[in-house]
Amino acid sequence: MNKIAGVVMVAVGSASYGILATIIKLANNNGLGTASLTFSQYLFGALILSISSLFFSKKPTESIKGETRSKYPKLKLVLFGTSLGLTSSFYYLCIQYVPVSVGIILLMQTVWMGILLEFFIDRRLVNKSKLIGAAAVLIGTLLASRIFESDFNFNFIGFLYGLLAAVCFTIALYSANKVSLQLPDIIRSKYLVFGGFIAVLIFWNIQIIQELNSLELLKWGIVLALFGTVLPPVLFSKGVPIIGNGLTSIIATLEIPVSILSAFFLLREQIGISQTVGIVIILVSIILTNIGKKNNDFKHQNRVKKPIY
C-alpha cells in the first residue's frame, strides 16, 4: 500500500508540473503578463512553504547516506534555487513563441543534459544504454518539434528560451537531489523557492511593477504556486524515498503527455502525426533507459551482497 501511495504522489507531482504551461497561456489570454505571473507564483509559493515549514518541519537527521554535512546549507540552497526561477522564466518565455507541445519537449532535453552533468561533476562514466537513450530522445525531439514537416516554422527565439530552460532545469534537478540533504525536505524546498524568487525579481525587475495592475493575479498566482512551487517538491520528497529514483524517473515522464493533452483540450493546440511519434519515442527511451539503470543497480547490489568463500 505504501508503494502505491508513493506512485500516486510522484504521478500527481509530475502532472502538476505538466499543466503549468497551459495555466500560463490561459492567464495570458486573460490579459495578464508573464512577468507578473511568474512573480506571483514564486511570491505565493515562498509564503505557503514558509508557513508550512513552521508546522511540518522536523529536526535535521543525524546522518544522511552519501552526504557530507556542508557549511552554509541554506545559503547553498538559495544560490542553487535561482535555477528554479530561471527555469520558469525561460520556459514561460519559450511558450510565447512556440506551442506548449513543443515547449515541453524542449524542456525535456534535461535527459541528455543530466547525463552530461553527471559526467562532468560526479565523474560518472556514460554507459551504452544512456547514450542510446539520449540519442533516441534527440531523434524524438526532432520529430516532436515538427522539423521535418512542410509547414514547419522554426522560431529561433522560442527554441533558445526552451533550451535555456532545460539547462536551468537540469541544474535545479541536480540541486534538489544533491544539495544540503541534511535539512528537512520542506525547509530545503522553502530555501530553493526563495532562491527562485530572488532570480525572478532580478530577471524581470521593472516589468513586474508595470504588470501589477489586476487583482486577477491573486487567483492565478496562488494556482501557479500550488502546481509549480508547493505540490511537486512536497509530493516528490514524500514519494521518491518510497518508490526509488528509477521508478520516479519513469513516472515523471507523465509530465509530457499531461502538458500536451492539457494544451490540446484547453488551448486547442493541434498534435500532428510526427509529433505523436516523436513523443512516443521520447517516452519509451526514457522508460527503457531507467529500467536498464534499475536492473543494473539491482545486479550491482546482488554482487556486493554475495558472500565470498
C-alpha atoms as a PDB file:
ATOM      1  CA  MET A   1       0.000   0.000   0.000  1.00  0.00           C
ATOM      2  CA  ASN A   2       2.870   2.353   0.785  1.00  0.00           C
ATOM      3  CA  LYS A   3       4.349   1.845  -2.688  1.00  0.00           C
ATOM      4  CA  ILE A   4       1.013   2.647  -4.325  1.00  0.00           C
ATOM      5  CA  ALA A   5       0.835   5.847  -2.273  1.00  0.00           C
ATOM      6  CA  GLY A   6       4.369   6.737  -3.392  1.00  0.00           C
ATOM      7  CA  VAL A   7       3.482   6.163  -7.049  1.00  0.00           C
ATOM      8  CA  VAL A   8       0.384   8.359  -6.705  1.00  0.00           C
ATOM      9  CA  MET A   9       2.388  11.154  -5.042  1.00  0.00           C
ATOM     10  CA  VAL A  10       5.042  11.196  -7.763  1.00  0.00           C
ATOM     11  CA  ALA A  11       2.401  10.970 -10.506  1.00  0.00           C
ATOM     12  CA  VAL A  12       0.413  13.912  -9.103  1.00  0.00           C
ATOM     13  CA  GLY A  13       3.619  15.935  -8.677  1.00  0.00           C
ATOM     14  CA  SER A  14       4.626  15.284 -12.291  1.00  0.00           C
ATOM     15  CA  ALA A  15       1.149  16.098 -13.586  1.00  0.00           C
ATOM     16  CA  SER A  16       1.249  19.353 -11.608  1.00  0.00           C
ATOM     17  CA  TYR A  17       4.397  20.419 -13.447  1.00  0.00           C
ATOM     18  CA  GLY A  18       2.842  19.340 -16.740  1.00  0.00           C
ATOM     19  CA  ILE A  19      -0.161  21.638 -16.506  1.00  0.00           C
ATOM     20  CA  LEU A  20       1.831  24.804 -15.667  1.00  0.00           C
ATOM     21  CA  ALA A  21       2.402  25.977 -19.247  1.00  0.00           C
ATOM     22  CA  THR A  22      -1.294  25.707 -20.080  1.00  0.00           C
ATOM     23  CA  ILE A  23      -2.199  27.729 -16.973  1.00  0.00           C
ATOM     24  CA  ILE A  24       0.253  30.452 -18.025  1.00  0.00           C
ATOM     25  CA  LYS A  25      -1.200  30.563 -21.542  1.00  0.00           C
ATOM     26  CA  LEU A  26      -4.754  30.765 -20.190  1.00  0.00           C
ATOM     27  CA  ALA A  27      -3.720  33.626 -17.896  1.00  0.00           C
ATOM     28  CA  ASN A  28      -2.002  35.378 -20.818  1.00  0.00           C
ATOM     29  CA  ASN A  29      -5.228  35.067 -22.799  1.00  0.00           C
ATOM     30  CA  ASN A  30      -6.969  36.815 -19.901  1.00  0.00           C
ATOM     31  CA  GLY A  31      -4.653  39.805 -20.291  1.00  0.00           C
ATOM     32  CA  LEU A  32      -2.068  39.016 -17.589  1.00  0.00           C
ATOM     33  CA  GLY A  33       1.654  39.441 -18.281  1.00  0.00           C
ATOM     34  CA  THR A  34       4.235  36.680 -17.911  1.00  0.00           C
ATOM     35  CA  ALA A  35       6.478  38.716 -15.590  1.00  0.00           C
ATOM     36  CA  SER A  36       3.741  39.363 -13.028  1.00  0.00           C
ATOM     37  CA  LEU A  37       2.517  35.763 -13.234  1.00  0.00           C
ATOM     38  CA  THR A  38       5.992  34.358 -12.574  1.00  0.00           C
ATOM     39  CA  PHE A  39       6.472  36.841  -9.722  1.00  0.00           C
ATOM     40  CA  SER A  40       3.115  35.872  -8.187  1.00  0.00           C
ATOM     41  CA  GLN A  41       3.899  32.158  -8.488  1.00  0.00           C
ATOM     42  CA  TYR A  42       7.134  32.435  -6.512  1.00  0.00           C
ATOM     43  CA  LEU A  43       5.813  35.014  -4.036  1.00  0.00           C
ATOM     44  CA  PHE A  44       2.863  32.849  -3.002  1.00  0.00           C
ATOM     45  CA  GLY A  45       4.982  29.699  -3.197  1.00  0.00           C
ATOM     46  CA  ALA A  46       7.531  31.172  -0.787  1.00  0.00           C
ATOM     47  CA  LEU A  47       4.764  32.326   1.578  1.00  0.00           C
ATOM     48  CA  ILE A  48       2.949  28.972   1.586  1.00  0.00           C
ATOM     49  CA  LEU A  49       6.156  26.986   2.149  1.00  0.00           C
ATOM     50  CA  SER A  50       7.318  29.391   4.880  1.00  0.00           C
ATOM     51  CA  ILE A  51       4.056  28.981   6.789  1.00  0.00           C
ATOM     52  CA  SER A  52       4.031  25.216   6.224  1.00  0.00           C
ATOM     53  CA  SER A  53       7.597  24.863   7.482  1.00  0.00           C
ATOM     54  CA  LEU A  54       6.519  26.250  10.866  1.00  0.00           C
ATOM     55  CA  PHE A  55       4.187  23.287  11.361  1.00  0.00           C
ATOM     56  CA  PHE A  56       5.637  20.395   9.379  1.00  0.00           C
ATOM     57  CA  SER A  57       9.431  20.726   9.557  1.00  0.00           C
ATOM     58  CA  LYS A  58      11.370  18.160  11.538  1.00  0.00           C
ATOM     59  CA  LYS A  59      14.743  18.237  13.206  1.00  0.00           C
ATOM     60  CA  PRO A  60      17.690  17.517  10.901  1.00  0.00           C
ATOM     61  CA  THR A  61      18.691  13.874  10.796  1.00  0.00           C
ATOM     62  CA  GLU A  62      21.915  12.860  12.441  1.00  0.00           C
ATOM     63  CA  SER A  63      23.394  11.365   9.294  1.00  0.00           C
ATOM     64  CA  ILE A  64      22.495  11.245   5.636  1.00  0.00           C
ATOM     65  CA  LYS A  65      23.865   8.458   3.469  1.00  0.00           C
ATOM     66  CA  GLY A  66      26.310   9.769   0.905  1.00  0.00           C
ATOM     67  CA  GLU A  67      26.012  13.324   2.178  1.00  0.00           C
ATOM     68  CA  THR A  68      28.816  15.267   3.809  1.00  0.00           C
ATOM     69  CA  ARG A  69      27.480  17.997   6.045  1.00  0.00           C
ATOM     70  CA  SER A  70      28.453  21.271   4.428  1.00  0.00           C
ATOM     71  CA  LYS A  71      28.753  24.798   5.703  1.00  0.00           C
ATOM     72  CA  TYR A  72      26.014  27.297   4.962  1.00  0.00           C
ATOM     73  CA  PRO A  73      23.462  24.733   3.675  1.00  0.00           C
ATOM     74  CA  LYS A  74      20.642  27.296   3.488  1.00  0.00           C
ATOM     75  CA  LEU A  75      22.750  29.750   1.518  1.00  0.00           C
ATOM     76  CA  LYS A  76      23.689  26.989  -0.935  1.00  0.00           C
ATOM     77  CA  LEU A  77      20.025  26.138  -1.415  1.00  0.00           C
ATOM     78  CA  VAL A  78      19.184  29.770  -2.139  1.00  0.00           C
ATOM     79  CA  LEU A  79      22.011  30.005  -4.678  1.00  0.00           C
ATOM     80  CA  PHE A  80      21.059  26.775  -6.434  1.00  0.00           C
ATOM     81  CA  GLY A  81      17.396  27.727  -6.157  1.00  0.00           C
ATOM     82  CA  THR A  82      17.951  30.588  -8.575  1.00  0.00           C
ATOM     83  CA  SER A  83      17.933  27.911 -11.289  1.00  0.00           C
ATOM     84  CA  LEU A  84      14.275  27.227 -10.432  1.00  0.00           C
ATOM     85  CA  GLY A  85      13.273  30.839 -11.050  1.00  0.00           C
ATOM     86  CA  LEU A  86      15.265  30.962 -14.276  1.00  0.00           C
ATOM     87  CA  THR A  87      13.704  27.679 -15.443  1.00  0.00           C
ATOM     88  CA  SER A  88      10.199  29.108 -15.032  1.00  0.00           C
ATOM     89  CA  SER A  89      11.146  32.435 -16.615  1.00  0.00           C
ATOM     90  CA  PHE A  90      12.779  30.899 -19.708  1.00  0.00           C
ATOM     91  CA  TYR A  91      10.089  28.227 -20.070  1.00  0.00           C
ATOM     92  CA  TYR A  92       7.225  30.722 -19.871  1.00  0.00           C
ATOM     93  CA  LEU A  93       9.001  32.913 -22.414  1.00  0.00           C
ATOM     94  CA  CYS A  94       9.535  29.884 -24.654  1.00  0.00           C
ATOM     95  CA  ILE A  95       5.825  29.112 -24.911  1.00  0.00           C
ATOM     96  CA  GLN A  96       5.148  32.672 -26.007  1.00  0.00           C
ATOM     97  CA  TYR A  97       6.929  31.784 -29.276  1.00  0.00           C
ATOM     98  CA  VAL A  98       6.258  28.058 -29.724  1.00  0.00           C
ATOM     99  CA  PRO A  99       3.289  25.782 -28.886  1.00  0.00           C
ATOM    100  CA  VAL A 100       3.149  24.222 -25.428  1.00  0.00           C
ATOM    101  CA  SER A 101       3.618  20.779 -27.010  1.00  0.00           C
ATOM    102  CA  VAL A 102       6.977  21.915 -28.420  1.00  0.00           C
ATOM    103  CA  GLY A 103       7.970  23.822 -25.271  1.00  0.00           C
ATOM    104  CA  ILE A 104       7.643  20.769 -23.020  1.00  0.00           C
ATOM    105  CA  ILE A 105       9.737  18.695 -25.439  1.00  0.00           C
ATOM    106  CA  LEU A 106      12.492  21.324 -25.356  1.00  0.00           C
ATOM    107  CA  LEU A 107      12.352  21.336 -21.552  1.00  0.00           C
ATOM    108  CA  MET A 108      12.761  17.544 -21.503  1.00  0.00           C
ATOM    109  CA  GLN A 109      16.231  17.869 -23.033  1.00  0.00           C
ATOM    110  CA  THR A 110      17.248  17.579 -19.395  1.00  0.00           C
ATOM    111  CA  VAL A 111      17.500  13.826 -20.123  1.00  0.00           C
ATOM    112  CA  TRP A 112      20.778  14.111 -22.022  1.00  0.00           C
ATOM    113  CA  MET A 113      21.868  17.314 -20.253  1.00  0.00           C
ATOM    114  CA  GLY A 114      21.616  15.471 -16.938  1.00  0.00           C
ATOM    115  CA  ILE A 115      23.883  12.726 -18.300  1.00  0.00           C
ATOM    116  CA  LEU A 116      26.486  15.333 -19.247  1.00  0.00           C
ATOM    117  CA  LEU A 117      26.222  16.999 -15.841  1.00  0.00           C
ATOM    118  CA  GLU A 118      26.750  13.682 -14.071  1.00  0.00           C
ATOM    119  CA  PHE A 119      29.812  13.025 -16.218  1.00  0.00           C
ATOM    120  CA  PHE A 120      31.498  16.382 -15.553  1.00  0.00           C
ATOM    121  CA  ILE A 121      30.539  16.846 -11.881  1.00  0.00           C
ATOM    122  CA  ASP A 122      30.235  13.330 -10.453  1.00  0.00           C
ATOM    123  CA  ARG A 123      32.720  11.758 -12.894  1.00  0.00           C
ATOM    124  CA  ARG A 124      30.241   9.014 -13.753  1.00  0.00           C
ATOM    125  CA  LEU A 125      31.035   7.079 -16.891  1.00  0.00           C
ATOM    126  CA  VAL A 126      28.287   7.146 -19.507  1.00  0.00           C
ATOM    127  CA  ASN A 127      27.173   3.603 -20.312  1.00  0.00           C
ATOM    128  CA  LYS A 128      25.836   2.380 -23.646  1.00  0.00           C
ATOM    129  CA  SER A 129      22.160   2.376 -22.582  1.00  0.00           C
ATOM    130  CA  LYS A 130      22.345   6.034 -21.544  1.00  0.00           C
ATOM    131  CA  LEU A 131      23.982   7.030 -24.816  1.00  0.00           C
ATOM    132  CA  ILE A 132      21.346   5.174 -26.833  1.00  0.00           C
ATOM    133  CA  GLY A 133      18.605   6.711 -24.688  1.00  0.00           C
ATOM    134  CA  ALA A 134      19.991  10.230 -25.143  1.00  0.00           C
ATOM    135  CA  ALA A 135      20.274   9.732 -28.918  1.00  0.00           C
ATOM    136  CA  ALA A 136      16.689   8.446 -29.056  1.00  0.00           C
ATOM    137  CA  VAL A 137      15.497  11.493 -27.123  1.00  0.00           C
ATOM    138  CA  LEU A 138      17.200  13.797 -29.623  1.00  0.00           C
ATOM    139  CA  ILE A 139      15.619  11.939 -32.566  1.00  0.00           C
ATOM    140  CA  GLY A 140      12.232  12.078 -30.853  1.00  0.00           C
ATOM    141  CA  THR A 141      12.723  15.797 -30.243  1.00  0.00           C
ATOM    142  CA  LEU A 142      13.317  16.460 -33.942  1.00  0.00           C
ATOM    143  CA  LEU A 143      10.098  14.628 -34.795  1.00  0.00           C
ATOM    144  CA  ALA A 144       8.058  16.128 -31.956  1.00  0.00           C
ATOM    145  CA  SER A 145       9.093  19.659 -32.901  1.00  0.00           C
ATOM    146  CA  ARG A 146       7.741  19.005 -36.441  1.00  0.00           C
ATOM    147  CA  ILE A 147      11.056  19.951 -38.015  1.00  0.00           C
ATOM    148  CA  PHE A 148      10.508  17.519 -40.924  1.00  0.00           C
ATOM    149  CA  GLU A 149       7.027  18.778 -41.793  1.00  0.00           C
ATOM    150  CA  SER A 150       6.460  21.082 -44.770  1.00  0.00           C
ATOM    151  CA  ASP A 151       4.644  23.737 -42.737  1.00  0.00           C
ATOM    152  CA  PHE A 152       7.350  23.815 -40.039  1.00  0.00           C
ATOM    153  CA  ASN A 153       8.078  27.345 -38.852  1.00  0.00           C
ATOM    154  CA  PHE A 154      11.347  27.481 -36.910  1.00  0.00           C
ATOM    155  CA  ASN A 155      11.330  30.141 -34.208  1.00  0.00           C
ATOM    156  CA  PHE A 156      14.911  30.671 -33.064  1.00  0.00           C
ATOM    157  CA  ILE A 157      13.994  32.750 -30.005  1.00  0.00           C
ATOM    158  CA  GLY A 158      11.463  30.184 -28.810  1.00  0.00           C
ATOM    159  CA  PHE A 159      13.912  27.291 -29.237  1.00  0.00           C
ATOM    160  CA  LEU A 160      16.671  29.268 -27.499  1.00  0.00           C
ATOM    161  CA  TYR A 161      14.465  30.026 -24.487  1.00  0.00           C
ATOM    162  CA  GLY A 162      13.395  26.374 -24.380  1.00  0.00           C
ATOM    163  CA  LEU A 163      16.976  25.103 -24.318  1.00  0.00           C
ATOM    164  CA  LEU A 164      17.970  27.690 -21.691  1.00  0.00           C
ATOM    165  CA  ALA A 165      15.033  26.486 -19.580  1.00  0.00           C
ATOM    166  CA  ALA A 166      16.288  22.902 -19.988  1.00  0.00           C
ATOM    167  CA  VAL A 167      19.805  23.881 -18.845  1.00  0.00           C
ATOM    168  CA  CYS A 168      18.421  25.624 -15.758  1.00  0.00           C
ATOM    169  CA  PHE A 169      16.034  22.736 -15.042  1.00  0.00           C
ATOM    170  CA  THR A 170      18.937  20.290 -15.199  1.00  0.00           C
ATOM    171  CA  ILE A 171      20.760  22.320 -12.542  1.00  0.00           C
ATOM    172  CA  ALA A 172      17.572  22.566 -10.480  1.00  0.00           C
ATOM    173  CA  LEU A 173      17.058  18.783 -10.545  1.00  0.00           C
ATOM    174  CA  TYR A 174      20.688  18.204  -9.582  1.00  0.00           C
ATOM    175  CA  SER A 175      20.450  20.604  -6.634  1.00  0.00           C
ATOM    176  CA  ALA A 176      17.146  19.092  -5.473  1.00  0.00           C
ATOM    177  CA  ASN A 177      18.822  15.670  -5.190  1.00  0.00           C
ATOM    178  CA  LYS A 178      22.346  16.628  -4.094  1.00  0.00           C
ATOM    179  CA  VAL A 179      22.496  19.912  -2.154  1.00  0.00           C
ATOM    180  CA  SER A 180      22.125  20.264   1.653  1.00  0.00           C
ATOM    181  CA  LEU A 181      20.392  16.929   2.168  1.00  0.00           C
ATOM    182  CA  GLN A 182      20.867  17.182   5.944  1.00  0.00           C
ATOM    183  CA  LEU A 183      17.977  19.643   6.170  1.00  0.00           C
ATOM    184  CA  PRO A 184      14.284  18.590   6.306  1.00  0.00           C
ATOM    185  CA  ASP A 185      12.613  18.374   2.898  1.00  0.00           C
ATOM    186  CA  ILE A 186      10.154  21.218   3.423  1.00  0.00           C
ATOM    187  CA  ILE A 187      12.968  23.501   4.650  1.00  0.00           C
ATOM    188  CA  ARG A 188      15.016  22.619   1.569  1.00  0.00           C
ATOM    189  CA  SER A 189      12.025  23.329  -0.682  1.00  0.00           C
ATOM    190  CA  LYS A 190      11.459  26.661   1.043  1.00  0.00           C
ATOM    191  CA  TYR A 191      15.015  27.911   0.512  1.00  0.00           C
ATOM    192  CA  LEU A 192      15.142  26.635  -3.064  1.00  0.00           C
ATOM    193  CA  VAL A 193      11.967  28.629  -3.783  1.00  0.00           C
ATOM    194  CA  PHE A 194      13.476  31.655  -2.005  1.00  0.00           C
ATOM    195  CA  GLY A 195      16.366  31.443  -4.461  1.00  0.00           C
ATOM    196  CA  GLY A 196      13.919  31.134  -7.343  1.00  0.00           C
ATOM    197  CA  PHE A 197      12.031  34.193  -6.097  1.00  0.00           C
ATOM    198  CA  ILE A 198      15.233  36.261  -5.999  1.00  0.00           C
ATOM    199  CA  ALA A 199      16.105  35.149  -9.544  1.00  0.00           C
ATOM    200  CA  VAL A 200      12.621  36.128 -10.765  1.00  0.00           C
ATOM    201  CA  LEU A 201      12.939  39.579  -9.195  1.00  0.00           C
ATOM    202  CA  ILE A 202      16.314  40.164 -10.866  1.00  0.00           C
ATOM    203  CA  PHE A 203      15.298  38.648 -14.214  1.00  0.00           C
ATOM    204  CA  TRP A 204      12.023  40.544 -14.702  1.00  0.00           C
ATOM    205  CA  ASN A 205      12.823  43.608 -12.498  1.00  0.00           C
ATOM    206  CA  ILE A 206      10.834  46.709 -13.563  1.00  0.00           C
ATOM    207  CA  GLN A 207       8.488  44.724 -15.811  1.00  0.00           C
ATOM    208  CA  ILE A 208       6.916  43.153 -12.709  1.00  0.00           C
ATOM    209  CA  ILE A 209       5.830  46.571 -11.416  1.00  0.00           C
ATOM    210  CA  GLN A 210       4.478  47.548 -14.813  1.00  0.00           C
ATOM    211  CA  GLU A 211       2.257  44.447 -14.933  1.00  0.00           C
ATOM    212  CA  LEU A 212       0.958  44.513 -11.336  1.00  0.00           C
ATOM    213  CA  ASN A 213      -2.353  46.053 -12.281  1.00  0.00           C
ATOM    214  CA  SER A 214      -5.007  43.414 -11.685  1.00  0.00           C
ATOM    215  CA  LEU A 215      -6.489  41.558  -8.708  1.00  0.00           C
ATOM    216  CA  GLU A 216      -6.761  38.567 -11.044  1.00  0.00           C
ATOM    217  CA  LEU A 217      -3.071  37.958 -10.239  1.00  0.00           C
ATOM    218  CA  LEU A 218      -4.123  36.814  -6.774  1.00  0.00           C
ATOM    219  CA  LYS A 219      -6.120  33.909  -8.194  1.00  0.00           C
ATOM    220  CA  TRP A 220      -3.680  32.909 -10.919  1.00  0.00           C
ATOM    221  CA  GLY A 221      -0.651  33.373  -8.644  1.00  0.00           C
ATOM    222  CA  ILE A 222      -1.997  31.025  -5.981  1.00  0.00           C
ATOM    223  CA  VAL A 223      -2.901  28.388  -8.596  1.00  0.00           C
ATOM    224  CA  LEU A 224       0.572  28.599 -10.177  1.00  0.00           C
ATOM    225  CA  ALA A 225       2.212  28.471  -6.741  1.00  0.00           C
ATOM    226  CA  LEU A 226       0.304  25.320  -5.784  1.00  0.00           C
ATOM    227  CA  PHE A 227       1.030  23.469  -9.037  1.00  0.00           C
ATOM    228  CA  GLY A 228       4.544  24.836  -9.602  1.00  0.00           C
ATOM    229  CA  THR A 229       6.292  25.519  -6.296  1.00  0.00           C
ATOM    230  CA  VAL A 230       4.389  23.770  -3.496  1.00  0.00           C
ATOM    231  CA  LEU A 231       2.798  20.448  -4.514  1.00  0.00           C
ATOM    232  CA  PRO A 232       5.619  18.972  -6.667  1.00  0.00           C
ATOM    233  CA  PRO A 233       8.504  19.349  -4.171  1.00  0.00           C
ATOM    234  CA  VAL A 234       6.385  18.229  -1.222  1.00  0.00           C
ATOM    235  CA  LEU A 235       4.947  15.212  -3.071  1.00  0.00           C
ATOM    236  CA  PHE A 236       8.333  14.238  -4.521  1.00  0.00           C
ATOM    237  CA  SER A 237      10.011  14.490  -1.110  1.00  0.00           C
ATOM    238  CA  LYS A 238       7.415  12.061   0.267  1.00  0.00           C
ATOM    239  CA  GLY A 239       7.039   9.731  -2.722  1.00  0.00           C
ATOM    240  CA  VAL A 240      10.591   9.334  -4.058  1.00  0.00           C
ATOM    241  CA  PRO A 241      12.034   7.639  -0.938  1.00  0.00           C
ATOM    242  CA  ILE A 242       9.188   5.088  -1.099  1.00  0.00           C
ATOM    243  CA  ILE A 243       9.485   4.043  -4.759  1.00  0.00           C
ATOM    244  CA  GLY A 244      13.138   4.929  -5.554  1.00  0.00           C
ATOM    245  CA  ASN A 245      14.789   7.095  -8.201  1.00  0.00           C
ATOM    246  CA  GLY A 246      14.430   4.608 -11.076  1.00  0.00           C
ATOM    247  CA  LEU A 247      10.659   4.299 -10.860  1.00  0.00           C
ATOM    248  CA  THR A 248      10.409   8.029 -10.156  1.00  0.00           C
ATOM    249  CA  SER A 249      12.183   8.857 -13.427  1.00  0.00           C
ATOM    250  CA  ILE A 250       9.738   6.661 -15.329  1.00  0.00           C
ATOM    251  CA  ILE A 251       6.607   8.078 -13.688  1.00  0.00           C
ATOM    252  CA  ALA A 252       7.935  11.636 -14.095  1.00  0.00           C
ATOM    253  CA  THR A 253       7.535  11.244 -17.869  1.00  0.00           C
ATOM    254  CA  LEU A 254       3.819  11.731 -17.169  1.00  0.00           C
ATOM    255  CA  GLU A 255       4.634  15.445 -17.312  1.00  0.00           C
ATOM    256  CA  ILE A 256       4.932  15.276 -21.125  1.00  0.00           C
ATOM    257  CA  PRO A 257       1.515  13.798 -22.037  1.00  0.00           C
ATOM    258  CA  VAL A 258      -0.234  15.887 -19.344  1.00  0.00           C
ATOM    259  CA  SER A 259       1.281  19.064 -20.774  1.00  0.00           C
ATOM    260  CA  ILE A 260       0.409  18.165 -24.356  1.00  0.00           C
ATOM    261  CA  LEU A 261      -3.109  16.914 -23.615  1.00  0.00           C
ATOM    262  CA  SER A 262      -3.958  19.924 -21.440  1.00  0.00           C
ATOM    263  CA  ALA A 263      -2.827  22.194 -24.281  1.00  0.00           C
ATOM    264  CA  PHE A 264      -4.911  20.153 -26.728  1.00  0.00           C
ATOM    265  CA  PHE A 265      -8.130  20.292 -24.690  1.00  0.00           C
ATOM    266  CA  LEU A 266      -7.821  23.751 -23.103  1.00  0.00           C
ATOM    267  CA  LEU A 267      -5.853  25.708 -25.712  1.00  0.00           C
ATOM    268  CA  ARG A 268      -6.973  23.802 -28.819  1.00  0.00           C
ATOM    269  CA  GLU A 269      -3.377  23.159 -29.905  1.00  0.00           C
ATOM    270  CA  GLN A 270      -3.213  20.551 -32.659  1.00  0.00           C
ATOM    271  CA  ILE A 271      -0.997  17.468 -32.417  1.00  0.00           C
ATOM    272  CA  GLY A 272       0.364  16.052 -35.685  1.00  0.00           C
ATOM    273  CA  ILE A 273       1.419  12.503 -36.527  1.00  0.00           C
ATOM    274  CA  SER A 274       5.146  13.261 -36.404  1.00  0.00           C
ATOM    275  CA  GLN A 275       4.696  14.933 -33.011  1.00  0.00           C
ATOM    276  CA  THR A 276       2.920  11.872 -31.676  1.00  0.00           C
ATOM    277  CA  VAL A 277       5.656   9.551 -32.981  1.00  0.00           C
ATOM    278  CA  GLY A 278       8.378  11.795 -31.533  1.00  0.00           C
ATOM    279  CA  ILE A 279       6.668  11.968 -28.146  1.00  0.00           C
ATOM    280  CA  VAL A 280       6.284   8.190 -28.022  1.00  0.00           C
ATOM    281  CA  ILE A 281       9.985   7.744 -28.888  1.00  0.00           C
ATOM    282  CA  ILE A 282      10.988  10.128 -26.088  1.00  0.00           C
ATOM    283  CA  LEU A 283       8.742   8.445 -23.515  1.00  0.00           C
ATOM    284  CA  VAL A 284       9.840   4.927 -24.450  1.00  0.00           C
ATOM    285  CA  SER A 285      13.540   5.837 -24.479  1.00  0.00           C
ATOM    286  CA  ILE A 286      13.325   7.452 -21.028  1.00  0.00           C
ATOM    287  CA  ILE A 287      11.441   4.475 -19.614  1.00  0.00           C
ATOM    288  CA  LEU A 288      13.789   1.858 -21.115  1.00  0.00           C
ATOM    289  CA  THR A 289      16.888   3.765 -20.022  1.00  0.00           C
ATOM    290  CA  ASN A 290      15.676   3.942 -16.438  1.00  0.00           C
ATOM    291  CA  ILE A 291      14.525   0.327 -16.408  1.00  0.00           C
ATOM    292  CA  GLY A 292      18.016  -0.653 -17.564  1.00  0.00           C
ATOM    293  CA  LYS A 293      19.554   1.532 -14.891  1.00  0.00           C
ATOM    294  CA  LYS A 294      17.317  -0.003 -12.248  1.00  0.00           C
ATOM    295  CA  ASN A 295      18.253  -3.546 -13.302  1.00  0.00           C
ATOM    296  CA  ASN A 296      21.961  -2.697 -13.322  1.00  0.00           C
ATOM    297  CA  ASP A 297      21.711  -1.208  -9.833  1.00  0.00           C
ATOM    298  CA  PHE A 298      19.891  -4.342  -8.633  1.00  0.00           C
ATOM    299  CA  LYS A 299      22.544  -6.644 -10.111  1.00  0.00           C
ATOM    300  CA  HIS A 300      25.271  -4.498  -8.605  1.00  0.00           C
ATOM    301  CA  GLN A 301      23.656  -4.730  -5.169  1.00  0.00           C
ATOM    302  CA  ASN A 302      23.406  -8.523  -5.501  1.00  0.00           C
ATOM    303  CA  ARG A 303      27.082  -8.764  -6.429  1.00  0.00           C
ATOM    304  CA  VAL A 304      28.051  -6.624  -3.451  1.00  0.00           C
ATOM    305  CA  LYS A 305      25.918  -8.610  -1.014  1.00  0.00           C
ATOM    306  CA  LYS A 306      27.067 -12.040  -2.254  1.00  0.00           C
ATOM    307  CA  PRO A 307      29.415 -13.582   0.336  1.00  0.00           C
ATOM    308  CA  ILE A 308      32.911 -14.600  -0.684  1.00  0.00           C
ATOM    309  CA  TYR A 309      34.036 -18.070   0.456  1.00  0.00           C
END
